C-alpha atoms as a PDB file:
ATOM      1  CA  MET A   1      -0.918 -31.507 159.114  1.00  0.00           C
ATOM      2  CA  LYS A   2      -1.138 -28.612 156.824  1.00  0.00           C
ATOM      3  CA  ALA A   3      -0.784 -29.006 152.548  1.00  0.00           C
ATOM      4  CA  GLU A   4       2.305 -27.423 152.279  1.00  0.00           C
ATOM      5  CA  ASP A   5       3.785 -29.934 154.874  1.00  0.00           C
ATOM      6  CA  VAL A   6       1.748 -32.749 152.692  1.00  0.00           C
ATOM      7  CA  LEU A   7       3.240 -31.248 149.792  1.00  0.00           C
ATOM      8  CA  ARG A   8       6.617 -30.654 151.348  1.00  0.00           C
ATOM      9  CA  ARG A   9       6.908 -34.953 152.722  1.00  0.00           C
ATOM     10  CA  LEU A  10       5.409 -35.989 148.742  1.00  0.00           C
ATOM     11  CA  ILE A  11       8.325 -34.210 147.588  1.00  0.00           C
ATOM     12  CA  PHE A  12      11.479 -36.022 149.984  1.00  0.00           C
ATOM     13  CA  ALA A  13       9.417 -38.952 149.109  1.00  0.00           C
ATOM     14  CA  VAL A  14       8.875 -39.074 144.952  1.00  0.00           C
ATOM     15  CA  ALA A  15      12.453 -37.517 145.310  1.00  0.00           C
ATOM     16  CA  GLU A  16      13.834 -41.193 146.832  1.00  0.00           C
ATOM     17  CA  ASN A  17      12.713 -43.112 143.576  1.00  0.00           C
ATOM     18  CA  ARG A  18      15.497 -43.984 140.754  1.00  0.00           C
ATOM     19  CA  MET A  19      14.074 -42.714 138.137  1.00  0.00           C
ATOM     20  CA  VAL A  20      12.867 -39.282 138.849  1.00  0.00           C
ATOM     21  CA  ARG A  21      17.058 -39.177 140.468  1.00  0.00           C
ATOM     22  CA  ARG A  22      18.017 -40.184 136.581  1.00  0.00           C
ATOM     23  CA  PHE A  23      15.714 -37.649 135.134  1.00  0.00           C
ATOM     24  CA  PHE A  24      17.159 -34.911 136.863  1.00  0.00           C
ATOM     25  CA  TYR A  25      20.479 -35.251 136.857  1.00  0.00           C
ATOM     26  CA  LYS A  26      20.373 -36.064 132.373  1.00  0.00           C
ATOM     27  CA  TYR A  27      18.060 -33.415 132.161  1.00  0.00           C
ATOM     28  CA  GLY A  28      17.843 -30.956 135.865  1.00  0.00           C
ATOM     29  CA  MET A  29      20.317 -27.968 134.444  1.00  0.00           C
ATOM     30  CA  LYS A  30      17.890 -27.335 131.589  1.00  0.00           C
ATOM     31  CA  LEU A  31      14.643 -27.716 134.219  1.00  0.00           C
ATOM     32  CA  GLY A  32      16.033 -25.132 136.468  1.00  0.00           C
ATOM     33  CA  VAL A  33      18.634 -26.193 138.806  1.00  0.00           C
ATOM     34  CA  GLY A  34      20.818 -24.310 136.925  1.00  0.00           C
ATOM     35  CA  ARG A  35      18.374 -21.038 139.027  1.00  0.00           C
ATOM     36  CA  PHE A  36      19.946 -22.836 142.362  1.00  0.00           C
ATOM     37  CA  VAL A  37      23.766 -23.890 141.702  1.00  0.00           C
ATOM     38  CA  ALA A  38      26.206 -21.831 139.834  1.00  0.00           C
ATOM     39  CA  SER A  39      27.808 -24.150 137.980  1.00  0.00           C
ATOM     40  CA  GLU A  40      28.989 -28.166 137.666  1.00  0.00           C
ATOM     41  CA  THR A  41      32.377 -27.026 137.560  1.00  0.00           C
ATOM     42  CA  LEU A  42      34.775 -24.842 139.327  1.00  0.00           C
ATOM     43  CA  ASP A  43      35.896 -22.712 136.684  1.00  0.00           C
ATOM     44  CA  GLY A  44      31.924 -21.771 136.015  1.00  0.00           C
ATOM     45  CA  THR A  45      31.684 -20.937 139.855  1.00  0.00           C
ATOM     46  CA  VAL A  46      34.357 -18.514 139.455  1.00  0.00           C
ATOM     47  CA  GLU A  47      32.100 -16.126 137.373  1.00  0.00           C
ATOM     48  CA  LYS A  48      29.727 -16.396 138.867  1.00  0.00           C
ATOM     49  CA  VAL A  49      31.318 -15.425 141.963  1.00  0.00           C
ATOM     50  CA  LYS A  50      32.981 -12.683 140.281  1.00  0.00           C
ATOM     51  CA  GLU A  51      29.396 -11.231 139.408  1.00  0.00           C
ATOM     52  CA  LEU A  52      27.931 -11.306 142.712  1.00  0.00           C
ATOM     53  CA  ASN A  53      31.392  -9.566 144.260  1.00  0.00           C
ATOM     54  CA  ARG A  54      31.279  -6.567 141.880  1.00  0.00           C
ATOM     55  CA  GLN A  55      27.687  -6.602 143.357  1.00  0.00           C
ATOM     56  CA  GLY A  56      28.531  -5.714 146.863  1.00  0.00           C
ATOM     57  CA  LEU A  57      28.036  -9.235 147.760  1.00  0.00           C
ATOM     58  CA  ALA A  58      30.185 -12.099 149.413  1.00  0.00           C
ATOM     59  CA  VAL A  59      30.373 -15.786 148.865  1.00  0.00           C
ATOM     60  CA  THR A  60      30.367 -19.021 150.822  1.00  0.00           C
ATOM     61  CA  LEU A  61      31.171 -21.774 148.046  1.00  0.00           C
ATOM     62  CA  ASP A  62      29.309 -25.279 148.969  1.00  0.00           C
ATOM     63  CA  TYR A  63      31.107 -28.213 146.530  1.00  0.00           C
ATOM     64  CA  LEU A  64      27.911 -30.390 146.910  1.00  0.00           C
ATOM     65  CA  GLY A  65      28.405 -33.766 148.088  1.00  0.00           C
ATOM     66  CA  GLU A  66      27.122 -35.894 151.340  1.00  0.00           C
ATOM     67  CA  SER A  67      27.076 -39.093 152.568  1.00  0.00           C
ATOM     68  CA  VAL A  68      29.969 -40.640 151.207  1.00  0.00           C
ATOM     69  CA  THR A  69      30.602 -44.004 152.443  1.00  0.00           C
ATOM     70  CA  ASP A  70      34.288 -44.516 150.689  1.00  0.00           C
ATOM     71  CA  ALA A  71      37.401 -43.578 152.097  1.00  0.00           C
ATOM     72  CA  GLY A  72      38.563 -42.489 149.204  1.00  0.00           C
ATOM     73  CA  LEU A  73      35.623 -40.148 147.753  1.00  0.00           C
ATOM     74  CA  ALA A  74      36.287 -38.018 151.409  1.00  0.00           C
ATOM     75  CA  GLU A  75      39.801 -37.517 150.579  1.00  0.00           C
ATOM     76  CA  GLU A  76      38.967 -36.300 147.066  1.00  0.00           C
ATOM     77  CA  ALA A  77      35.860 -34.213 148.535  1.00  0.00           C
ATOM     78  CA  ALA A  78      38.785 -33.035 150.704  1.00  0.00           C
ATOM     79  CA  ASN A  79      41.094 -32.346 147.980  1.00  0.00           C
ATOM     80  CA  MET A  80      38.770 -30.474 145.957  1.00  0.00           C
ATOM     81  CA  VAL A  81      38.014 -28.056 149.011  1.00  0.00           C
ATOM     82  CA  LEU A  82      41.615 -27.246 149.378  1.00  0.00           C
ATOM     83  CA  ARG A  83      41.390 -26.400 145.539  1.00  0.00           C
ATOM     84  CA  VAL A  84      38.494 -24.052 146.223  1.00  0.00           C
ATOM     85  CA  LEU A  85      40.648 -21.859 148.648  1.00  0.00           C
ATOM     86  CA  GLU A  86      43.780 -21.658 146.808  1.00  0.00           C
ATOM     87  CA  THR A  87      41.014 -20.691 143.839  1.00  0.00           C
ATOM     88  CA  ILE A  88      39.750 -17.829 145.801  1.00  0.00           C
ATOM     89  CA  ASP A  89      42.863 -16.734 146.930  1.00  0.00           C
ATOM     90  CA  ARG A  90      44.484 -16.516 143.580  1.00  0.00           C
ATOM     91  CA  ASN A  91      41.661 -14.814 141.943  1.00  0.00           C
ATOM     92  CA  ARG A  92      40.894 -12.968 144.933  1.00  0.00           C
ATOM     93  CA  LEU A  93      37.947 -13.392 145.783  1.00  0.00           C
ATOM     94  CA  ASP A  94      35.098 -11.787 148.525  1.00  0.00           C
ATOM     95  CA  ALA A  95      34.454 -16.036 149.271  1.00  0.00           C
ATOM     96  CA  ASN A  96      35.429 -18.364 151.989  1.00  0.00           C
ATOM     97  CA  VAL A  97      34.102 -22.080 151.414  1.00  0.00           C
ATOM     98  CA  SER A  98      31.713 -24.291 153.584  1.00  0.00           C
ATOM     99  CA  VAL A  99      31.410 -27.940 153.938  1.00  0.00           C
ATOM    100  CA  LYS A 100      29.580 -30.822 155.254  1.00  0.00           C
ATOM    101  CA  LEU A 101      31.074 -33.226 157.436  1.00  0.00           C
ATOM    102  CA  THR A 102      29.463 -36.800 156.156  1.00  0.00           C
ATOM    103  CA  GLN A 103      31.347 -35.338 152.602  1.00  0.00           C
ATOM    104  CA  LEU A 104      34.188 -35.578 154.602  1.00  0.00           C
ATOM    105  CA  GLY A 105      33.961 -38.988 155.802  1.00  0.00           C
ATOM    106  CA  LEU A 106      32.128 -38.384 158.917  1.00  0.00           C
ATOM    107  CA  LEU A 107      29.847 -41.287 158.108  1.00  0.00           C
ATOM    108  CA  ILE A 108      32.927 -43.805 156.989  1.00  0.00           C
ATOM    109  CA  ASP A 109      35.147 -42.799 160.478  1.00  0.00           C
ATOM    110  CA  PRO A 110      35.191 -39.557 162.685  1.00  0.00           C
ATOM    111  CA  ALA A 111      39.168 -39.468 163.160  1.00  0.00           C
ATOM    112  CA  LEU A 112      38.591 -39.819 158.980  1.00  0.00           C
ATOM    113  CA  CYS A 113      36.130 -36.610 159.147  1.00  0.00           C
ATOM    114  CA  SER A 114      38.599 -34.938 161.635  1.00  0.00           C
ATOM    115  CA  ALA A 115      41.600 -35.456 159.705  1.00  0.00           C
ATOM    116  CA  ASN A 116      40.187 -34.206 156.249  1.00  0.00           C
ATOM    117  CA  MET A 117      38.696 -31.097 158.135  1.00  0.00           C
ATOM    118  CA  GLU A 118      41.713 -30.127 160.118  1.00  0.00           C
ATOM    119  CA  ARG A 119      44.021 -30.061 156.129  1.00  0.00           C
ATOM    120  CA  ILE A 120      41.243 -28.084 155.110  1.00  0.00           C
ATOM    121  CA  VAL A 121      41.300 -25.507 158.157  1.00  0.00           C
ATOM    122  CA  THR A 122      45.230 -25.671 157.559  1.00  0.00           C
ATOM    123  CA  GLU A 123      45.348 -24.249 155.041  1.00  0.00           C
ATOM    124  CA  ALA A 124      42.407 -21.900 155.619  1.00  0.00           C
ATOM    125  CA  LYS A 125      44.207 -19.801 157.747  1.00  0.00           C
ATOM    126  CA  SER A 126      47.220 -20.238 155.586  1.00  0.00           C
ATOM    127  CA  ARG A 127      45.177 -17.904 153.119  1.00  0.00           C
ATOM    128  CA  GLY A 128      43.873 -16.075 155.985  1.00  0.00           C
ATOM    129  CA  SER A 129      40.378 -17.922 154.811  1.00  0.00           C
ATOM    130  CA  PHE A 130      37.178 -19.090 156.927  1.00  0.00           C
ATOM    131  CA  VAL A 131      35.715 -22.344 157.276  1.00  0.00           C
ATOM    132  CA  TRP A 132      31.907 -22.931 157.578  1.00  0.00           C
ATOM    133  CA  ILE A 133      30.917 -26.590 158.716  1.00  0.00           C
ATOM    134  CA  ASP A 134      27.168 -26.944 157.272  1.00  0.00           C
ATOM    135  CA  MET A 135      24.791 -28.623 159.404  1.00  0.00           C
ATOM    136  CA  GLU A 136      22.946 -31.947 157.895  1.00  0.00           C
ATOM    137  CA  ASP A 137      20.227 -34.194 159.671  1.00  0.00           C
ATOM    138  CA  SER A 138      20.173 -34.737 163.332  1.00  0.00           C
ATOM    139  CA  LYS A 139      21.434 -38.438 163.112  1.00  0.00           C
ATOM    140  CA  VAL A 140      24.968 -36.556 163.019  1.00  0.00           C
ATOM    141  CA  THR A 141      24.669 -32.959 164.670  1.00  0.00           C
ATOM    142  CA  SER A 142      26.425 -34.394 168.526  1.00  0.00           C
ATOM    143  CA  ASP A 143      29.107 -35.825 165.647  1.00  0.00           C
ATOM    144  CA  THR A 144      29.252 -32.755 164.294  1.00  0.00           C
ATOM    145  CA  LEU A 145      29.603 -30.779 167.148  1.00  0.00           C
ATOM    146  CA  GLY A 146      32.358 -32.841 168.713  1.00  0.00           C
ATOM    147  CA  ILE A 147      34.536 -32.340 166.057  1.00  0.00           C
ATOM    148  CA  TYR A 148      34.124 -28.785 165.281  1.00  0.00           C
ATOM    149  CA  LYS A 149      34.517 -27.395 169.068  1.00  0.00           C
ATOM    150  CA  GLY A 150      38.282 -29.543 168.351  1.00  0.00           C
ATOM    151  CA  LEU A 151      38.979 -27.054 165.784  1.00  0.00           C
ATOM    152  CA  LEU A 152      37.251 -24.368 166.975  1.00  0.00           C
ATOM    153  CA  LYS A 153      40.306 -25.517 170.622  1.00  0.00           C
ATOM    154  CA  ARG A 154      42.775 -25.824 168.350  1.00  0.00           C
ATOM    155  CA  PHE A 155      42.146 -22.769 165.094  1.00  0.00           C
ATOM    156  CA  GLY A 156      40.225 -20.545 167.235  1.00  0.00           C
ATOM    157  CA  SER A 157      37.263 -18.155 165.996  1.00  0.00           C
ATOM    158  CA  ARG A 158      38.893 -16.308 162.890  1.00  0.00           C
ATOM    159  CA  PHE A 159      38.976 -19.424 160.791  1.00  0.00           C
ATOM    160  CA  VAL A 160      36.004 -21.595 161.648  1.00  0.00           C
ATOM    161  CA  GLY A 161      32.502 -21.691 162.073  1.00  0.00           C
ATOM    162  CA  ILE A 162      28.957 -24.131 162.791  1.00  0.00           C
ATOM    163  CA  VAL A 163      25.763 -23.970 161.410  1.00  0.00           C
ATOM    164  CA  ILE A 164      23.141 -23.921 163.980  1.00  0.00           C
ATOM    165  CA  GLN A 165      19.474 -25.496 163.066  1.00  0.00           C
ATOM    166  CA  SER A 166      16.325 -24.248 164.932  1.00  0.00           C
ATOM    167  CA  TYR A 167      13.711 -25.942 164.084  1.00  0.00           C
ATOM    168  CA  LEU A 168      15.475 -28.567 166.384  1.00  0.00           C
ATOM    169  CA  TYR A 169      15.066 -28.669 170.413  1.00  0.00           C
ATOM    170  CA  ARG A 170      18.747 -29.161 171.144  1.00  0.00           C
ATOM    171  CA  SER A 171      19.747 -25.819 169.776  1.00  0.00           C
ATOM    172  CA  ILE A 172      19.032 -23.563 172.915  1.00  0.00           C
ATOM    173  CA  PRO A 173      21.132 -25.623 174.543  1.00  0.00           C
ATOM    174  CA  ASP A 174      23.791 -25.539 171.983  1.00  0.00           C
ATOM    175  CA  ILE A 175      24.120 -22.467 171.298  1.00  0.00           C
ATOM    176  CA  ARG A 176      24.644 -21.498 174.808  1.00  0.00           C
ATOM    177  CA  GLU A 177      27.359 -23.416 174.950  1.00  0.00           C
ATOM    178  CA  LEU A 178      29.408 -22.733 171.737  1.00  0.00           C
ATOM    179  CA  GLY A 179      29.075 -19.422 173.067  1.00  0.00           C
ATOM    180  CA  ARG A 180      30.692 -19.391 175.960  1.00  0.00           C
ATOM    181  CA  LEU A 181      32.830 -20.808 173.557  1.00  0.00           C
ATOM    182  CA  GLY A 182      33.297 -17.624 171.545  1.00  0.00           C
ATOM    183  CA  ALA A 183      31.760 -19.634 168.149  1.00  0.00           C
ATOM    184  CA  PRO A 184      30.874 -17.894 165.148  1.00  0.00           C
ATOM    185  CA  ILE A 185      27.638 -19.677 164.174  1.00  0.00           C
ATOM    186  CA  ARG A 186      24.983 -19.390 161.267  1.00  0.00           C
ATOM    187  CA  ILE A 187      21.741 -19.423 161.770  1.00  0.00           C
ATOM    188  CA  VAL A 188      19.431 -21.219 160.170  1.00  0.00           C
ATOM    189  CA  LYS A 189      15.637 -23.047 160.569  1.00  0.00           C
ATOM    190  CA  GLY A 190      16.528 -26.289 159.144  1.00  0.00           C
ATOM    191  CA  ALA A 191      15.987 -27.996 155.325  1.00  0.00           C
ATOM    192  CA  TYR A 192      16.458 -32.099 156.141  1.00  0.00           C
ATOM    193  CA  LYS A 193      13.402 -34.401 156.954  1.00  0.00           C
ATOM    194  CA  GLU A 194      13.045 -34.431 160.909  1.00  0.00           C
ATOM    195  CA  PRO A 195      10.628 -36.392 162.857  1.00  0.00           C
ATOM    196  CA  PRO A 196       8.573 -34.393 165.453  1.00  0.00           C
ATOM    197  CA  GLU A 197      10.481 -36.005 168.957  1.00  0.00           C
ATOM    198  CA  VAL A 198      13.553 -33.900 167.805  1.00  0.00           C
ATOM    199  CA  ALA A 199      12.308 -30.859 165.580  1.00  0.00           C
ATOM    200  CA  TYR A 200       9.362 -28.126 165.789  1.00  0.00           C
ATOM    201  CA  PRO A 201       6.613 -29.440 163.662  1.00  0.00           C
ATOM    202  CA  ASP A 202       5.872 -26.004 163.161  1.00  0.00           C
ATOM    203  CA  LYS A 203       6.509 -23.065 161.196  1.00  0.00           C
ATOM    204  CA  LYS A 204       6.261 -20.547 163.772  1.00  0.00           C
ATOM    205  CA  ASP A 205       7.824 -22.526 166.423  1.00  0.00           C
ATOM    206  CA  VAL A 206      11.133 -22.341 164.433  1.00  0.00           C
ATOM    207  CA  ASP A 207      10.826 -18.824 163.355  1.00  0.00           C
ATOM    208  CA  ALA A 208      10.093 -18.104 167.338  1.00  0.00           C
ATOM    209  CA  SER A 209      13.067 -20.414 168.280  1.00  0.00           C
ATOM    210  CA  TYR A 210      15.157 -18.422 165.293  1.00  0.00           C
ATOM    211  CA  LEU A 211      15.105 -15.006 166.799  1.00  0.00           C
ATOM    212  CA  LYS A 212      15.657 -16.299 170.252  1.00  0.00           C
ATOM    213  CA  LEU A 213      18.560 -18.209 169.303  1.00  0.00           C
ATOM    214  CA  ALA A 214      19.798 -14.637 166.778  1.00  0.00           C
ATOM    215  CA  ARG A 215      19.636 -12.590 169.927  1.00  0.00           C
ATOM    216  CA  LEU A 216      21.016 -14.678 172.346  1.00  0.00           C
ATOM    217  CA  HIS A 217      24.333 -15.450 170.283  1.00  0.00           C
ATOM    218  CA  MET A 218      23.916 -11.918 168.959  1.00  0.00           C
ATOM    219  CA  GLY A 219      23.534  -9.956 172.385  1.00  0.00           C
ATOM    220  CA  ASN A 220      26.863 -11.829 173.698  1.00  0.00           C
ATOM    221  CA  GLY A 221      28.656 -10.349 171.135  1.00  0.00           C
ATOM    222  CA  ASN A 222      29.305 -13.192 169.023  1.00  0.00           C
ATOM    223  CA  TYR A 223      30.038 -13.064 165.581  1.00  0.00           C
ATOM    224  CA  THR A 224      26.579 -14.188 164.121  1.00  0.00           C
ATOM    225  CA  ALA A 225      25.396 -15.016 160.239  1.00  0.00           C
ATOM    226  CA  ILE A 226      21.698 -14.396 160.100  1.00  0.00           C
ATOM    227  CA  ALA A 227      20.686 -17.035 157.596  1.00  0.00           C
ATOM    228  CA  THR A 228      17.130 -16.405 155.953  1.00  0.00           C
ATOM    229  CA  HIS A 229      15.199 -15.305 153.093  1.00  0.00           C
ATOM    230  CA  ASP A 230      12.476 -14.847 155.991  1.00  0.00           C
ATOM    231  CA  VAL A 231      11.771 -10.832 155.804  1.00  0.00           C
ATOM    232  CA  SER A 232      10.354 -10.527 158.822  1.00  0.00           C
ATOM    233  CA  ILE A 233      12.689 -12.416 160.691  1.00  0.00           C
ATOM    234  CA  VAL A 234      15.235  -9.935 158.792  1.00  0.00           C
ATOM    235  CA  ALA A 235      13.244  -6.752 159.537  1.00  0.00           C
ATOM    236  CA  GLU A 236      13.461  -8.225 163.149  1.00  0.00           C
ATOM    237  CA  ILE A 237      16.876  -8.252 162.691  1.00  0.00           C
ATOM    238  CA  LYS A 238      17.812  -4.876 161.733  1.00  0.00           C
ATOM    239  CA  ARG A 239      15.610  -3.308 164.676  1.00  0.00           C
ATOM    240  CA  TYR A 240      17.499  -5.366 167.227  1.00  0.00           C
ATOM    241  CA  VAL A 241      20.894  -4.104 166.100  1.00  0.00           C
ATOM    242  CA  ARG A 242      19.473  -0.576 165.649  1.00  0.00           C
ATOM    243  CA  GLU A 243      18.658  -0.406 168.970  1.00  0.00           C
ATOM    244  CA  ARG A 244      21.444  -1.853 170.496  1.00  0.00           C
ATOM    245  CA  GLY A 245      24.373  -0.219 168.558  1.00  0.00           C
ATOM    246  CA  MET A 246      25.392  -3.327 167.064  1.00  0.00           C
ATOM    247  CA  GLY A 247      27.898  -2.800 164.073  1.00  0.00           C
ATOM    248  CA  THR A 248      27.632  -3.823 160.312  1.00  0.00           C
ATOM    249  CA  ASP A 249      31.518  -6.110 161.910  1.00  0.00           C
ATOM    250  CA  GLN A 250      29.518  -7.917 164.087  1.00  0.00           C
ATOM    251  CA  PHE A 251      26.994  -9.967 161.633  1.00  0.00           C
ATOM    252  CA  GLU A 252      25.883 -10.777 158.614  1.00  0.00           C
ATOM    253  CA  PHE A 253      23.133 -11.422 156.550  1.00  0.00           C
ATOM    254  CA  GLN A 254      23.524 -15.255 154.767  1.00  0.00           C
ATOM    255  CA  MET A 255      21.346 -15.904 151.042  1.00  0.00           C
ATOM    256  CA  LEU A 256      20.615 -18.385 148.892  1.00  0.00           C
ATOM    257  CA  TYR A 257      22.694 -18.845 145.728  1.00  0.00           C
ATOM    258  CA  GLY A 258      19.728 -17.696 142.963  1.00  0.00           C
ATOM    259  CA  ILE A 259      16.704 -16.688 145.595  1.00  0.00           C
ATOM    260  CA  SER A 260      15.922 -13.065 147.010  1.00  0.00           C
ATOM    261  CA  ALA A 261      18.656 -11.403 144.577  1.00  0.00           C
ATOM    262  CA  GLY A 262      16.604  -8.401 145.011  1.00  0.00           C
ATOM    263  CA  LEU A 263      16.629  -8.579 148.917  1.00  0.00           C
ATOM    264  CA  GLN A 264      20.523  -8.996 148.593  1.00  0.00           C
ATOM    265  CA  ARG A 265      20.973  -6.308 146.702  1.00  0.00           C
ATOM    266  CA  GLN A 266      19.263  -3.960 148.726  1.00  0.00           C
ATOM    267  CA  LEU A 267      20.986  -5.058 152.068  1.00  0.00           C
ATOM    268  CA  ALA A 268      24.136  -4.547 150.516  1.00  0.00           C
ATOM    269  CA  GLU A 269      23.280  -1.407 149.372  1.00  0.00           C
ATOM    270  CA  GLU A 270      21.614  -0.340 153.051  1.00  0.00           C
ATOM    271  CA  GLY A 271      25.464  -0.890 154.006  1.00  0.00           C
ATOM    272  CA  TYR A 272      24.754  -4.439 155.434  1.00  0.00           C
ATOM    273  CA  ARG A 273      27.067  -7.527 154.779  1.00  0.00           C
ATOM    274  CA  VAL A 274      25.244  -9.995 152.624  1.00  0.00           C
ATOM    275  CA  ARG A 275      26.911 -13.438 151.962  1.00  0.00           C
ATOM    276  CA  VAL A 276      25.647 -15.366 149.410  1.00  0.00           C
ATOM    277  CA  TYR A 277      25.603 -19.045 149.626  1.00  0.00           C
ATOM    278  CA  THR A 278      26.337 -20.399 146.547  1.00  0.00           C
ATOM    279  CA  PRO A 279      26.705 -24.647 145.534  1.00  0.00           C
ATOM    280  CA  PHE A 280      28.495 -25.944 142.665  1.00  0.00           C
ATOM    281  CA  GLY A 281      29.382 -29.477 141.691  1.00  0.00           C
ATOM    282  CA  GLU A 282      28.204 -32.327 139.563  1.00  0.00           C
ATOM    283  CA  HIS A 283      26.012 -34.021 143.164  1.00  0.00           C
ATOM    284  CA  TRP A 284      23.562 -31.523 143.405  1.00  0.00           C
ATOM    285  CA  PHE A 285      20.193 -33.654 143.309  1.00  0.00           C
ATOM    286  CA  PRO A 286      19.645 -34.032 147.566  1.00  0.00           C
ATOM    287  CA  TYR A 287      20.626 -30.199 147.434  1.00  0.00           C
ATOM    288  CA  PHE A 288      18.576 -29.387 145.175  1.00  0.00           C
ATOM    289  CA  THR A 289      15.023 -31.624 146.408  1.00  0.00           C
ATOM    290  CA  ARG A 290      15.814 -29.276 150.034  1.00  0.00           C
ATOM    291  CA  ARG A 291      16.000 -26.189 148.085  1.00  0.00           C
ATOM    292  CA  ILE A 292      12.328 -27.376 146.821  1.00  0.00           C
ATOM    293  CA  ALA A 293      10.977 -28.751 149.521  1.00  0.00           C
ATOM    294  CA  GLU A 294      11.926 -25.599 152.190  1.00  0.00           C
ATOM    295  CA  ARG A 295       9.691 -23.966 149.642  1.00  0.00           C
ATOM    296  CA  PRO A 296       7.250 -25.777 147.159  1.00  0.00           C
ATOM    297  CA  ALA A 297       6.370 -22.358 145.556  1.00  0.00           C
ATOM    298  CA  ASN A 298       9.808 -23.230 144.054  1.00  0.00           C
ATOM    299  CA  LEU A 299       8.293 -26.561 142.403  1.00  0.00           C
ATOM    300  CA  TRP A 300       6.157 -24.450 140.247  1.00  0.00           C
ATOM    301  CA  PHE A 301       9.514 -22.525 138.647  1.00  0.00           C
ATOM    302  CA  VAL A 302      10.675 -26.097 137.769  1.00  0.00           C
ATOM    303  CA  ALA A 303       7.470 -27.748 136.572  1.00  0.00           C
ATOM    304  CA  LYS A 304       7.245 -24.699 133.778  1.00  0.00           C
ATOM    305  CA  ASN A 305      10.484 -25.295 132.801  1.00  0.00           C
ATOM    306  CA  LEU A 306       9.941 -28.872 131.594  1.00  0.00           C
ATOM    307  CA  LEU A 307       6.540 -27.764 129.889  1.00  0.00           C
ATOM    308  CA  ARG A 308       8.629 -25.397 127.920  1.00  0.00           C
ATOM    309  CA  ARG A 309      11.199 -28.553 126.767  1.00  0.00           C
END
């Protein structure tokens, strides 16, 4: 096993410690969490979105939270997403929303989750906005896709899209089926801890799968969000669309808030549509852990802030 893989597993293991969680929730924003999370409040996030928009960057807002097991909390999360959609509209932001279904009740009752999503996509449609459904760990992939297909059938591809992870073995048949349905898809590599029985353990295989998924979906004329900071993949996608004469309205690049900001601006200046995945809220620890684990070099950034305290 590569040293980076060992470190990634160690990060996930340490993150499960209660004392570590308590420490980071108390001091996290001072230790560098603010690099990856726009704000703990919606009002604070709006100012960050306006600044990104001024730089020519679009945004997708993610109200942080996942693995909710209380129906009341799931409803509260849905209400917050509705508030985000209203805020986007009122402030005329170039933004849409991203949601996680386990935050909206998927682990409690898929019917509850579906009802919450119906409310959210109905609101998005009424405001001419859009909802991305994030993909979580492989245990909920099938249920997530099932709910998405129902929403796609009812609302259409103008208002709701889905995420596919290139490290999962199942993603090629999934994207073929979704492509036949005309689904907008955001392609990511995948950041959850997965066993080798369901996901490619080696980066080279994940990267090869990523490009295969992108070419397959884009080649069939479906809207595709290329979500990566990998400059080699970005370069290959640019070459692919140039050779095929594809317009910039057929795809977009997506990158995470606080990462590769220079590349984001460069692509926007070159005329590509770039959307910044911008998380906010108080429940940031799981998201923050995945950002550190997927790129352990980010751990040094946190360590430097810790040493300054």
